[in-house]
Amino acid sequence: MTTEMMDTNSLRQRLSDLRVRLLAELNHVRDGADDGSGQMGDFDPNHPADMATEMFEREMSETLTENVEELLHKVQRALARIEQGKYGLCEDCGKAIAQARLETVPYTSFCITCQARQES
């Protein structure tokens, strides 16, 4: 299936909606990391358990931020591929990505075969 034959309007809308949600999530995570509101009234910066909890929460926030940023990057690349007329084509082998795969993972840039090869 070529990108001309594929109706990308609904997938473009899904990607755009996902982009908006990811940007909101990224702002939420970053705001939560900056405001310190997660600290409890009895927080003691010199207590090992409190320091460990703070470190854990900071690392978890950083990991969540990285994951959201990575997914946002994939969504933005997919939207760019739509504009370039390259959406739905595997970036590795150049073959068409199955419509069912695009419906499930609209930001994918690899067919299932190439994705599996990359993950192994």
PDB file of N, CA and C in Angstrom:
ATOM      1  N   MET A   1       0.855  -1.179   0.000  1.00  0.00           N
ATOM      2  CA  MET A   1       0.000   0.000   0.000  1.00  0.00           C
ATOM      3  C   MET A   1       0.898   1.238   0.000  1.00  0.00           C
ATOM      4  N   THR A   2       0.671   2.143  -0.901  1.00  0.00           N
ATOM      5  CA  THR A   2       1.450   3.373  -0.944  1.00  0.00           C
ATOM      6  C   THR A   2       0.790   4.418  -0.075  1.00  0.00           C
ATOM      7  N   THR A   3       1.552   5.469   0.214  1.00  0.00           N
ATOM      8  CA  THR A   3       0.983   6.516   1.059  1.00  0.00           C
ATOM      9  C   THR A   3      -0.140   7.243   0.338  1.00  0.00           C
ATOM     10  N   GLU A   4      -0.131   7.224  -1.025  1.00  0.00           N
ATOM     11  CA  GLU A   4      -1.220   7.871  -1.756  1.00  0.00           C
ATOM     12  C   GLU A   4      -2.527   7.116  -1.565  1.00  0.00           C
ATOM     13  N   MET A   5      -2.439   5.742  -1.465  1.00  0.00           N
ATOM     14  CA  MET A   5      -3.635   4.926  -1.326  1.00  0.00           C
ATOM     15  C   MET A   5      -4.161   4.944   0.104  1.00  0.00           C
ATOM     16  N   MET A   6      -3.310   5.241   1.043  1.00  0.00           N
ATOM     17  CA  MET A   6      -3.688   5.214   2.453  1.00  0.00           C
ATOM     18  C   MET A   6      -4.366   6.526   2.840  1.00  0.00           C
ATOM     19  N   ASP A   7      -5.486   6.428   3.514  1.00  0.00           N
ATOM     20  CA  ASP A   7      -6.133   7.623   4.033  1.00  0.00           C
ATOM     21  C   ASP A   7      -5.448   7.988   5.346  1.00  0.00           C
ATOM     22  N   THR A   8      -4.667   9.051   5.311  1.00  0.00           N
ATOM     23  CA  THR A   8      -3.894   9.427   6.491  1.00  0.00           C
ATOM     24  C   THR A   8      -4.601  10.458   7.364  1.00  0.00           C
ATOM     25  N   ASN A   9      -5.777  10.913   6.958  1.00  0.00           N
ATOM     26  CA  ASN A   9      -6.445  11.965   7.732  1.00  0.00           C
ATOM     27  C   ASN A   9      -6.745  11.547   9.165  1.00  0.00           C
ATOM     28  N   SER A  10      -7.295  10.359   9.346  1.00  0.00           N
ATOM     29  CA  SER A  10      -7.633   9.933  10.713  1.00  0.00           C
ATOM     30  C   SER A  10      -6.363   9.668  11.520  1.00  0.00           C
ATOM     31  N   LEU A  11      -5.346   9.104  10.870  1.00  0.00           N
ATOM     32  CA  LEU A  11      -4.089   8.864  11.582  1.00  0.00           C
ATOM     33  C   LEU A  11      -3.397  10.177  11.915  1.00  0.00           C
ATOM     34  N   ARG A  12      -3.454  11.153  11.026  1.00  0.00           N
ATOM     35  CA  ARG A  12      -2.880  12.476  11.304  1.00  0.00           C
ATOM     36  C   ARG A  12      -3.586  13.098  12.511  1.00  0.00           C
ATOM     37  N   GLN A  13      -4.906  12.961  12.564  1.00  0.00           N
ATOM     38  CA  GLN A  13      -5.661  13.525  13.690  1.00  0.00           C
ATOM     39  C   GLN A  13      -5.294  12.816  14.992  1.00  0.00           C
ATOM     40  N   ARG A  14      -5.184  11.493  14.940  1.00  0.00           N
ATOM     41  CA  ARG A  14      -4.797  10.743  16.141  1.00  0.00           C
ATOM     42  C   ARG A  14      -3.413  11.148  16.621  1.00  0.00           C
ATOM     43  N   LEU A  15      -2.484  11.310  15.679  1.00  0.00           N
ATOM     44  CA  LEU A  15      -1.131  11.733  16.034  1.00  0.00           C
ATOM     45  C   LEU A  15      -1.127  13.144  16.606  1.00  0.00           C
ATOM     46  N   SER A  16      -1.916  14.030  16.015  1.00  0.00           N
ATOM     47  CA  SER A  16      -1.994  15.407  16.518  1.00  0.00           C
ATOM     48  C   SER A  16      -2.581  15.441  17.922  1.00  0.00           C
ATOM     49  N   ASP A  17      -3.625  14.654  18.142  1.00  0.00           N
ATOM     50  CA  ASP A  17      -4.227  14.576  19.477  1.00  0.00           C
ATOM     51  C   ASP A  17      -3.233  14.007  20.492  1.00  0.00           C
ATOM     52  N   LEU A  18      -2.505  12.973  20.079  1.00  0.00           N
ATOM     53  CA  LEU A  18      -1.510  12.372  20.961  1.00  0.00           C
ATOM     54  C   LEU A  18      -0.403  13.380  21.273  1.00  0.00           C
ATOM     55  N   ARG A  19      -0.009  14.159  20.285  1.00  0.00           N
ATOM     56  CA  ARG A  19       1.021  15.189  20.487  1.00  0.00           C
ATOM     57  C   ARG A  19       0.572  16.192  21.553  1.00  0.00           C
ATOM     58  N   VAL A  20      -0.676  16.630  21.469  1.00  0.00           N
ATOM     59  CA  VAL A  20      -1.215  17.585  22.451  1.00  0.00           C
ATOM     60  C   VAL A  20      -1.208  16.969  23.852  1.00  0.00           C
ATOM     61  N   ARG A  21      -1.646  15.714  23.950  1.00  0.00           N
ATOM     62  CA  ARG A  21      -1.669  15.039  25.257  1.00  0.00           C
ATOM     63  C   ARG A  21      -0.259  14.868  25.824  1.00  0.00           C
ATOM     64  N   LEU A  22       0.693  14.526  24.967  1.00  0.00           N
ATOM     65  CA  LEU A  22       2.071  14.344  25.425  1.00  0.00           C
ATOM     66  C   LEU A  22       2.691  15.657  25.881  1.00  0.00           C
ATOM     67  N   LEU A  23       2.414  16.731  25.160  1.00  0.00           N
ATOM     68  CA  LEU A  23       2.919  18.045  25.576  1.00  0.00           C
ATOM     69  C   LEU A  23       2.344  18.439  26.932  1.00  0.00           C
ATOM     70  N   ALA A  24       1.057  18.169  27.135  1.00  0.00           N
ATOM     71  CA  ALA A  24       0.430  18.472  28.423  1.00  0.00           C
ATOM     72  C   ALA A  24       1.048  17.619  29.527  1.00  0.00           C
ATOM     73  N   GLU A  25       1.279  16.339  29.239  1.00  0.00           N
ATOM     74  CA  GLU A  25       1.894  15.444  30.227  1.00  0.00           C
ATOM     75  C   GLU A  25       3.313  15.905  30.554  1.00  0.00           C
ATOM     76  N   LEU A  26       4.043  16.312  29.546  1.00  0.00           N
ATOM     77  CA  LEU A  26       5.408  16.795  29.758  1.00  0.00           C
ATOM     78  C   LEU A  26       5.409  18.039  30.638  1.00  0.00           C
ATOM     79  N   ASN A  27       4.504  18.953  30.379  1.00  0.00           N
ATOM     80  CA  ASN A  27       4.393  20.159  31.211  1.00  0.00           C
ATOM     81  C   ASN A  27       4.008  19.801  32.638  1.00  0.00           C
ATOM     82  N   HIS A  28       3.094  18.858  32.785  1.00  0.00           N
ATOM     83  CA  HIS A  28       2.650  18.428  34.111  1.00  0.00           C
ATOM     84  C   HIS A  28       3.803  17.811  34.894  1.00  0.00           C
ATOM     85  N   VAL A  29       4.553  16.939  34.250  1.00  0.00           N
ATOM     86  CA  VAL A  29       5.676  16.280  34.919  1.00  0.00           C
ATOM     87  C   VAL A  29       6.738  17.303  35.290  1.00  0.00           C
ATOM     88  N   ARG A  30       7.042  18.202  34.376  1.00  0.00           N
ATOM     89  CA  ARG A  30       8.062  19.217  34.662  1.00  0.00           C
ATOM     90  C   ARG A  30       7.606  20.168  35.761  1.00  0.00           C
ATOM     91  N   ASP A  31       6.342  20.543  35.756  1.00  0.00           N
ATOM     92  CA  ASP A  31       5.828  21.425  36.811  1.00  0.00           C
ATOM     93  C   ASP A  31       5.876  20.722  38.159  1.00  0.00           C
ATOM     94  N   GLY A  32       5.526  19.452  38.188  1.00  0.00           N
ATOM     95  CA  GLY A  32       5.551  18.691  39.430  1.00  0.00           C
ATOM     96  C   GLY A  32       6.946  18.533  39.975  1.00  0.00           C
ATOM     97  N   ALA A  33       7.930  18.440  39.083  1.00  0.00           N
ATOM     98  CA  ALA A  33       9.320  18.286  39.524  1.00  0.00           C
ATOM     99  C   ALA A  33       9.870  19.593  40.066  1.00  0.00           C
ATOM    100  N   ASP A  34       9.323  20.723  39.612  1.00  0.00           N
ATOM    101  CA  ASP A  34       9.857  22.021  40.003  1.00  0.00           C
ATOM    102  C   ASP A  34       9.223  22.596  41.258  1.00  0.00           C
ATOM    103  N   ASP A  35       7.968  22.257  41.522  1.00  0.00           N
ATOM    104  CA  ASP A  35       7.277  22.963  42.605  1.00  0.00           C
ATOM    105  C   ASP A  35       7.523  22.382  43.993  1.00  0.00           C
ATOM    106  N   GLY A  36       8.078  21.171  44.060  1.00  0.00           N
ATOM    107  CA  GLY A  36       8.389  20.591  45.367  1.00  0.00           C
ATOM    108  C   GLY A  36       7.155  20.243  46.177  1.00  0.00           C
ATOM    109  N   SER A  37       5.991  20.217  45.554  1.00  0.00           N
ATOM    110  CA  SER A  37       4.758  19.966  46.299  1.00  0.00           C
ATOM    111  C   SER A  37       4.656  18.525  46.774  1.00  0.00           C
ATOM    112  N   GLY A  38       5.515  17.638  46.261  1.00  0.00           N
ATOM    113  CA  GLY A  38       5.478  16.256  46.686  1.00  0.00           C
ATOM    114  C   GLY A  38       6.051  16.056  48.073  1.00  0.00           C
ATOM    115  N   GLN A  39       6.684  17.069  48.629  1.00  0.00           N
ATOM    116  CA  GLN A  39       7.284  16.920  49.945  1.00  0.00           C
ATOM    117  C   GLN A  39       6.217  17.011  51.029  1.00  0.00           C
ATOM    118  N   MET A  40       6.371  16.153  52.007  1.00  0.00           N
ATOM    119  CA  MET A  40       5.422  16.129  53.105  1.00  0.00           C
ATOM    120  C   MET A  40       5.895  17.098  54.176  1.00  0.00           C
ATOM    121  N   GLY A  41       5.008  17.504  55.050  1.00  0.00           N
ATOM    122  CA  GLY A  41       5.332  18.451  56.109  1.00  0.00           C
ATOM    123  C   GLY A  41       6.418  17.953  57.038  1.00  0.00           C
ATOM    124  N   ASP A  42       6.553  16.648  57.210  1.00  0.00           N
ATOM    125  CA  ASP A  42       7.545  16.082  58.116  1.00  0.00           C
ATOM    126  C   ASP A  42       8.835  15.714  57.396  1.00  0.00           C
ATOM    127  N   PHE A  43       9.059  16.239  56.218  1.00  0.00           N
ATOM    128  CA  PHE A  43      10.258  15.927  55.442  1.00  0.00           C
ATOM    129  C   PHE A  43      11.499  16.451  56.157  1.00  0.00           C
ATOM    130  N   ASP A  44      12.454  15.561  56.355  1.00  0.00           N
ATOM    131  CA  ASP A  44      13.723  15.925  57.000  1.00  0.00           C
ATOM    132  C   ASP A  44      14.837  15.665  55.994  1.00  0.00           C
ATOM    133  N   PRO A  45      15.447  16.722  55.433  1.00  0.00           N
ATOM    134  CA  PRO A  45      16.476  16.531  54.408  1.00  0.00           C
ATOM    135  C   PRO A  45      17.718  15.808  54.919  1.00  0.00           C
ATOM    136  N   ASN A  46      17.856  15.653  56.217  1.00  0.00           N
ATOM    137  CA  ASN A  46      19.006  14.946  56.773  1.00  0.00           C
ATOM    138  C   ASN A  46      18.708  13.486  57.114  1.00  0.00           C
ATOM    139  N   HIS A  47      17.459  13.086  56.986  1.00  0.00           N
ATOM    140  CA  HIS A  47      17.078  11.709  57.311  1.00  0.00           C
ATOM    141  C   HIS A  47      17.292  10.829  56.076  1.00  0.00           C
ATOM    142  N   PRO A  48      18.014   9.714  56.235  1.00  0.00           N
ATOM    143  CA  PRO A  48      18.319   8.859  55.081  1.00  0.00           C
ATOM    144  C   PRO A  48      17.084   8.376  54.315  1.00  0.00           C
ATOM    145  N   ALA A  49      16.022   8.026  55.010  1.00  0.00           N
ATOM    146  CA  ALA A  49      14.814   7.543  54.329  1.00  0.00           C
ATOM    147  C   ALA A  49      14.170   8.662  53.518  1.00  0.00           C
ATOM    148  N   ASP A  50      14.128   9.863  54.067  1.00  0.00           N
ATOM    149  CA  ASP A  50      13.560  10.994  53.342  1.00  0.00           C
ATOM    150  C   ASP A  50      14.417  11.347  52.125  1.00  0.00           C
ATOM    151  N   MET A  51      15.747  11.269  52.297  1.00  0.00           N
ATOM    152  CA  MET A  51      16.642  11.552  51.168  1.00  0.00           C
ATOM    153  C   MET A  51      16.472  10.497  50.071  1.00  0.00           C
ATOM    154  N   ALA A  52      16.313   9.227  50.473  1.00  0.00           N
ATOM    155  CA  ALA A  52      16.129   8.148  49.503  1.00  0.00           C
ATOM    156  C   ALA A  52      14.806   8.317  48.759  1.00  0.00           C
ATOM    157  N   THR A  53      13.767   8.694  49.477  1.00  0.00           N
ATOM    158  CA  THR A  53      12.469   8.921  48.841  1.00  0.00           C
ATOM    159  C   THR A  53      12.551  10.065  47.847  1.00  0.00           C
ATOM    160  N   GLU A  54      13.195  11.142  48.239  1.00  0.00           N
ATOM    161  CA  GLU A  54      13.362  12.295  47.357  1.00  0.00           C
ATOM    162  C   GLU A  54      14.146  11.903  46.101  1.00  0.00           C
ATOM    163  N   MET A  55      15.220  11.129  46.279  1.00  0.00           N
ATOM    164  CA  MET A  55      16.031  10.705  45.144  1.00  0.00           C
ATOM    165  C   MET A  55      15.218   9.800  44.214  1.00  0.00           C
ATOM    166  N   PHE A  56      14.458   8.878  44.797  1.00  0.00           N
ATOM    167  CA  PHE A  56      13.621   7.979  44.009  1.00  0.00           C
ATOM    168  C   PHE A  56      12.605   8.771  43.191  1.00  0.00           C
ATOM    169  N   GLU A  57      11.932   9.713  43.820  1.00  0.00           N
ATOM    170  CA  GLU A  57      10.921  10.515  43.121  1.00  0.00           C
ATOM    171  C   GLU A  57      11.552  11.351  42.013  1.00  0.00           C
ATOM    172  N   ARG A  58      12.725  11.882  42.251  1.00  0.00           N
ATOM    173  CA  ARG A  58      13.418  12.683  41.233  1.00  0.00           C
ATOM    174  C   ARG A  58      13.796  11.805  40.035  1.00  0.00           C
ATOM    175  N   GLU A  59      14.349  10.624  40.317  1.00  0.00           N
ATOM    176  CA  GLU A  59      14.738   9.714  39.238  1.00  0.00           C
ATOM    177  C   GLU A  59      13.527   9.221  38.458  1.00  0.00           C
ATOM    178  N   MET A  60      12.440   8.958  39.167  1.00  0.00           N
ATOM    179  CA  MET A  60      11.224   8.522  38.498  1.00  0.00           C
ATOM    180  C   MET A  60      10.682   9.630  37.591  1.00  0.00           C
ATOM    181  N   SER A  61      10.722  10.854  38.069  1.00  0.00           N
ATOM    182  CA  SER A  61      10.275  11.991  37.273  1.00  0.00           C
ATOM    183  C   SER A  61      11.155  12.174  36.042  1.00  0.00           C
ATOM    184  N   GLU A  62      12.453  12.022  36.205  1.00  0.00           N
ATOM    185  CA  GLU A  62      13.370  12.156  35.076  1.00  0.00           C
ATOM    186  C   GLU A  62      13.127  11.065  34.042  1.00  0.00           C
ATOM    187  N   THR A  63      12.908   9.843  34.502  1.00  0.00           N
ATOM    188  CA  THR A  63      12.641   8.733  33.592  1.00  0.00           C
ATOM    189  C   THR A  63      11.331   8.946  32.851  1.00  0.00           C
ATOM    190  N   LEU A  64      10.303   9.370  33.563  1.00  0.00           N
ATOM    191  CA  LEU A  64       9.020   9.645  32.931  1.00  0.00           C
ATOM    192  C   LEU A  64       9.164  10.758  31.888  1.00  0.00           C
ATOM    193  N   THR A  65       9.900  11.797  32.224  1.00  0.00           N
ATOM    194  CA  THR A  65      10.136  12.894  31.288  1.00  0.00           C
ATOM    195  C   THR A  65      10.839  12.392  30.031  1.00  0.00           C
ATOM    196  N   GLU A  66      11.869  11.573  30.199  1.00  0.00           N
ATOM    197  CA  GLU A  66      12.594  11.023  29.057  1.00  0.00           C
ATOM    198  C   GLU A  66      11.681  10.181  28.176  1.00  0.00           C
ATOM    199  N   ASN A  67      10.841   9.345  28.796  1.00  0.00           N
ATOM    200  CA  ASN A  67       9.928   8.494  28.029  1.00  0.00           C
ATOM    201  C   ASN A  67       8.918   9.324  27.247  1.00  0.00           C
ATOM    202  N   VAL A  68       8.358  10.335  27.876  1.00  0.00           N
ATOM    203  CA  VAL A  68       7.381  11.190  27.196  1.00  0.00           C
ATOM    204  C   VAL A  68       8.058  11.962  26.068  1.00  0.00           C
ATOM    205  N   GLU A  69       9.270  12.459  26.312  1.00  0.00           N
ATOM    206  CA  GLU A  69       9.993  13.187  25.263  1.00  0.00           C
ATOM    207  C   GLU A  69      10.303  12.284  24.075  1.00  0.00           C
ATOM    208  N   GLU A  70      10.684  11.044  24.339  1.00  0.00           N
ATOM    209  CA  GLU A  70      10.977  10.094  23.262  1.00  0.00           C
ATOM    210  C   GLU A  70       9.726   9.801  22.437  1.00  0.00           C
ATOM    211  N   LEU A  71       8.610   9.557  23.104  1.00  0.00           N
ATOM    212  CA  LEU A  71       7.365   9.290  22.393  1.00  0.00           C
ATOM    213  C   LEU A  71       6.915  10.524  21.613  1.00  0.00           C
ATOM    214  N   LEU A  72       7.064  11.686  22.203  1.00  0.00           N
ATOM    215  CA  LEU A  72       6.713  12.935  21.518  1.00  0.00           C
ATOM    216  C   LEU A  72       7.557  13.098  20.248  1.00  0.00           C
ATOM    217  N   HIS A  73       8.830  12.783  20.335  1.00  0.00           N
ATOM    218  CA  HIS A  73       9.717  12.859  19.171  1.00  0.00           C
ATOM    219  C   HIS A  73       9.229  11.914  18.066  1.00  0.00           C
ATOM    220  N   LYS A  74       8.834  10.695  18.432  1.00  0.00           N
ATOM    221  CA  LYS A  74       8.324   9.733  17.448  1.00  0.00           C
ATOM    222  C   LYS A  74       7.041  10.240  16.794  1.00  0.00           C
ATOM    223  N   VAL A  75       6.166  10.835  17.588  1.00  0.00           N
ATOM    224  CA  VAL A  75       4.912  11.377  17.053  1.00  0.00           C
ATOM    225  C   VAL A  75       5.201  12.522  16.092  1.00  0.00           C
ATOM    226  N   GLN A  76       6.104  13.411  16.470  1.00  0.00           N
ATOM    227  CA  GLN A  76       6.439  14.541  15.610  1.00  0.00           C
ATOM    228  C   GLN A  76       7.093  14.071  14.308  1.00  0.00           C
ATOM    229  N   ARG A  77       7.923  13.040  14.384  1.00  0.00           N
ATOM    230  CA  ARG A  77       8.532  12.484  13.170  1.00  0.00           C
ATOM    231  C   ARG A  77       7.469  11.865  12.277  1.00  0.00           C
ATOM    232  N   ALA A  78       6.488  11.189  12.875  1.00  0.00           N
ATOM    233  CA  ALA A  78       5.412  10.587  12.082  1.00  0.00           C
ATOM    234  C   ALA A  78       4.604  11.675  11.376  1.00  0.00           C
ATOM    235  N   LEU A  79       4.307  12.752  12.087  1.00  0.00           N
ATOM    236  CA  LEU A  79       3.582  13.870  11.462  1.00  0.00           C
ATOM    237  C   LEU A  79       4.405  14.475  10.322  1.00  0.00           C
ATOM    238  N   ALA A  80       5.703  14.577  10.506  1.00  0.00           N
ATOM    239  CA  ALA A  80       6.568  15.095   9.440  1.00  0.00           C
ATOM    240  C   ALA A  80       6.578  14.153   8.240  1.00  0.00           C
ATOM    241  N   ARG A  81       6.573  12.828   8.486  1.00  0.00           N
ATOM    242  CA  ARG A  81       6.539  11.864   7.381  1.00  0.00           C
ATOM    243  C   ARG A  81       5.238  11.972   6.609  1.00  0.00           C
ATOM    244  N   ILE A  82       4.146  12.261   7.301  1.00  0.00           N
ATOM    245  CA  ILE A  82       2.874  12.452   6.598  1.00  0.00           C
ATOM    246  C   ILE A  82       3.006  13.631   5.643  1.00  0.00           C
ATOM    247  N   GLU A  83       3.542  14.731   6.132  1.00  0.00           N
ATOM    248  CA  GLU A  83       3.700  15.936   5.306  1.00  0.00           C
ATOM    249  C   GLU A  83       4.638  15.691   4.122  1.00  0.00           C
ATOM    250  N   GLN A  84       5.636  14.839   4.318  1.00  0.00           N
ATOM    251  CA  GLN A  84       6.613  14.545   3.265  1.00  0.00           C
ATOM    252  C   GLN A  84       6.137  13.462   2.301  1.00  0.00           C
ATOM    253  N   GLY A  85       4.992  12.852   2.617  1.00  0.00           N
ATOM    254  CA  GLY A  85       4.490  11.768   1.773  1.00  0.00           C
ATOM    255  C   GLY A  85       5.214  10.448   1.996  1.00  0.00           C
ATOM    256  N   LYS A  86       5.916  10.309   3.112  1.00  0.00           N
ATOM    257  CA  LYS A  86       6.677   9.095   3.409  1.00  0.00           C
ATOM    258  C   LYS A  86       6.043   8.257   4.508  1.00  0.00           C
ATOM    259  N   TYR A  87       4.915   8.700   5.021  1.00  0.00           N
ATOM    260  CA  TYR A  87       4.263   7.995   6.118  1.00  0.00           C
ATOM    261  C   TYR A  87       3.782   6.632   5.634  1.00  0.00           C
ATOM    262  N   GLY A  88       3.968   5.637   6.475  1.00  0.00           N
ATOM    263  CA  GLY A  88       3.507   4.292   6.152  1.00  0.00           C
ATOM    264  C   GLY A  88       4.551   3.453   5.443  1.00  0.00           C
ATOM    265  N   LEU A  89       5.718   4.032   5.198  1.00  0.00           N
ATOM    266  CA  LEU A  89       6.815   3.288   4.582  1.00  0.00           C
ATOM    267  C   LEU A  89       7.892   3.046   5.634  1.00  0.00           C
ATOM    268  N   CYS A  90       8.364   1.814   5.701  1.00  0.00           N
ATOM    269  CA  CYS A  90       9.392   1.439   6.670  1.00  0.00           C
ATOM    270  C   CYS A  90      10.671   2.216   6.387  1.00  0.00           C
ATOM    271  N   GLU A  91      11.223   2.814   7.418  1.00  0.00           N
ATOM    272  CA  GLU A  91      12.460   3.574   7.263  1.00  0.00           C
ATOM    273  C   GLU A  91      13.670   2.674   7.050  1.00  0.00           C
ATOM    274  N   ASP A  92      13.528   1.377   7.274  1.00  0.00           N
ATOM    275  CA  ASP A  92      14.649   0.456   7.102  1.00  0.00           C
ATOM    276  C   ASP A  92      14.611  -0.193   5.721  1.00  0.00           C
ATOM    277  N   CYS A  93      13.517  -0.889   5.415  1.00  0.00           N
ATOM    278  CA  CYS A  93      13.454  -1.639   4.159  1.00  0.00           C
ATOM    279  C   CYS A  93      12.703  -0.903   3.049  1.00  0.00           C
ATOM    280  N   GLY A  94      11.950   0.138   3.411  1.00  0.00           N
ATOM    281  CA  GLY A  94      11.220   0.912   2.411  1.00  0.00           C
ATOM    282  C   GLY A  94       9.879   0.331   2.005  1.00  0.00           C
ATOM    283  N   LYS A  95       9.536  -0.826   2.539  1.00  0.00           N
ATOM    284  CA  LYS A  95       8.249  -1.446   2.206  1.00  0.00           C
ATOM    285  C   LYS A  95       7.129  -0.802   3.019  1.00  0.00           C
ATOM    286  N   ALA A  96       5.912  -1.023   2.550  1.00  0.00           N
ATOM    287  CA  ALA A  96       4.744  -0.476   3.246  1.00  0.00           C
ATOM    288  C   ALA A  96       4.572  -1.148   4.608  1.00  0.00           C
ATOM    289  N   ILE A  97       4.232  -0.335   5.593  1.00  0.00           N
ATOM    290  CA  ILE A  97       3.911  -0.837   6.932  1.00  0.00           C
ATOM    291  C   ILE A  97       2.439  -1.225   6.912  1.00  0.00           C
ATOM    292  N   ALA A  98       2.126  -2.362   7.482  1.00  0.00           N
ATOM    293  CA  ALA A  98       0.742  -2.859   7.485  1.00  0.00           C
ATOM    294  C   ALA A  98      -0.194  -1.825   8.121  1.00  0.00           C
ATOM    295  N   GLN A  99      -1.350  -1.653   7.492  1.00  0.00           N
ATOM    296  CA  GLN A  99      -2.342  -0.695   7.988  1.00  0.00           C
ATOM    297  C   GLN A  99      -2.734  -1.000   9.432  1.00  0.00           C
ATOM    298  N   ALA A 100      -2.872  -2.269   9.757  1.00  0.00           N
ATOM    299  CA  ALA A 100      -3.243  -2.650  11.130  1.00  0.00           C
ATOM    300  C   ALA A 100      -2.173  -2.201  12.125  1.00  0.00           C
ATOM    301  N   ARG A 101      -0.912  -2.288  11.723  1.00  0.00           N
ATOM    302  CA  ARG A 101       0.181  -1.840  12.597  1.00  0.00           C
ATOM    303  C   ARG A 101       0.116  -0.328  12.784  1.00  0.00           C
ATOM    304  N   LEU A 102      -0.142   0.395  11.715  1.00  0.00           N
ATOM    305  CA  LEU A 102      -0.247   1.854  11.804  1.00  0.00           C
ATOM    306  C   LEU A 102      -1.444   2.265  12.650  1.00  0.00           C
ATOM    307  N   GLU A 103      -2.520   1.506  12.569  1.00  0.00           N
ATOM    308  CA  GLU A 103      -3.696   1.810  13.396  1.00  0.00           C
ATOM    309  C   GLU A 103      -3.372   1.588  14.871  1.00  0.00           C
ATOM    310  N   THR A 104      -2.565   0.578  15.159  1.00  0.00           N
ATOM    311  CA  THR A 104      -2.213   0.248  16.536  1.00  0.00           C
ATOM    312  C   THR A 104      -1.129   1.170  17.084  1.00  0.00           C
ATOM    313  N   VAL A 105      -0.101   1.408  16.271  1.00  0.00           N
ATOM    314  CA  VAL A 105       1.048   2.232  16.681  1.00  0.00           C
ATOM    315  C   VAL A 105       1.260   3.283  15.575  1.00  0.00           C
ATOM    316  N   PRO A 106       0.458   4.341  15.568  1.00  0.00           N
ATOM    317  CA  PRO A 106       0.506   5.281  14.447  1.00  0.00           C
ATOM    318  C   PRO A 106       1.821   6.030  14.290  1.00  0.00           C
ATOM    319  N   TYR A 107       2.660   6.028  15.305  1.00  0.00           N
ATOM    320  CA  TYR A 107       3.944   6.722  15.231  1.00  0.00           C
ATOM    321  C   TYR A 107       5.089   5.789  14.839  1.00  0.00           C
ATOM    322  N   THR A 108       4.778   4.534  14.508  1.00  0.00           N
ATOM    323  CA  THR A 108       5.843   3.606  14.137  1.00  0.00           C
ATOM    324  C   THR A 108       6.486   4.025  12.825  1.00  0.00           C
ATOM    325  N   SER A 109       7.762   3.743  12.703  1.00  0.00           N
ATOM    326  CA  SER A 109       8.453   4.057  11.455  1.00  0.00           C
ATOM    327  C   SER A 109       9.068   2.800  10.843  1.00  0.00           C
ATOM    328  N   PHE A 110       8.738   1.641  11.412  1.00  0.00           N
ATOM    329  CA  PHE A 110       9.285   0.382  10.917  1.00  0.00           C
ATOM    330  C   PHE A 110       8.186  -0.652  10.754  1.00  0.00           C
ATOM    331  N   CYS A 111       8.321  -1.492   9.728  1.00  0.00           N
ATOM    332  CA  CYS A 111       7.418  -2.616   9.578  1.00  0.00           C
ATOM    333  C   CYS A 111       7.712  -3.609  10.705  1.00  0.00           C
ATOM    334  N   ILE A 112       6.845  -4.552  10.895  1.00  0.00           N
ATOM    335  CA  ILE A 112       6.986  -5.486  12.014  1.00  0.00           C
ATOM    336  C   ILE A 112       8.256  -6.317  11.894  1.00  0.00           C
ATOM    337  N   THR A 113       8.643  -6.676  10.677  1.00  0.00           N
ATOM    338  CA  THR A 113       9.849  -7.480  10.462  1.00  0.00           C
ATOM    339  C   THR A 113      11.095  -6.699  10.861  1.00  0.00           C
ATOM    340  N   CYS A 114      11.208  -5.462  10.397  1.00  0.00           N
ATOM    341  CA  CYS A 114      12.379  -4.645  10.715  1.00  0.00           C
ATOM    342  C   CYS A 114      12.404  -4.250  12.191  1.00  0.00           C
ATOM    343  N   GLN A 115      11.230  -4.025  12.778  1.00  0.00           N
ATOM    344  CA  GLN A 115      11.158  -3.712  14.205  1.00  0.00           C
ATOM    345  C   GLN A 115      11.665  -4.883  15.024  1.00  0.00           C
ATOM    346  N   ALA A 116      11.238  -6.087  14.666  1.00  0.00           N
ATOM    347  CA  ALA A 116      11.678  -7.276  15.392  1.00  0.00           C
ATOM    348  C   ALA A 116      13.188  -7.481  15.237  1.00  0.00           C
ATOM    349  N   ARG A 117      13.697  -7.211  14.045  1.00  0.00           N
ATOM    350  CA  ARG A 117      15.139  -7.347  13.819  1.00  0.00           C
ATOM    351  C   ARG A 117      15.916  -6.345  14.683  1.00  0.00           C
ATOM    352  N   GLN A 118      15.405  -5.136  14.819  1.00  0.00           N
ATOM    353  CA  GLN A 118      16.074  -4.122  15.635  1.00  0.00           C
ATOM    354  C   GLN A 118      16.054  -4.467  17.117  1.00  0.00           C
ATOM    355  N   GLU A 119      14.978  -5.093  17.556  1.00  0.00           N
ATOM    356  CA  GLU A 119      14.833  -5.417  18.971  1.00  0.00           C
ATOM    357  C   GLU A 119      15.614  -6.662  19.381  1.00  0.00           C
ATOM    358  N   SER A 120      16.046  -7.451  18.397  1.00  0.00           N
ATOM    359  CA  SER A 120      16.787  -8.675  18.745  1.00  0.00           C
ATOM    360  C   SER A 120      18.270  -8.433  18.863  1.00  0.00           C
TER     361      SER A 120
END
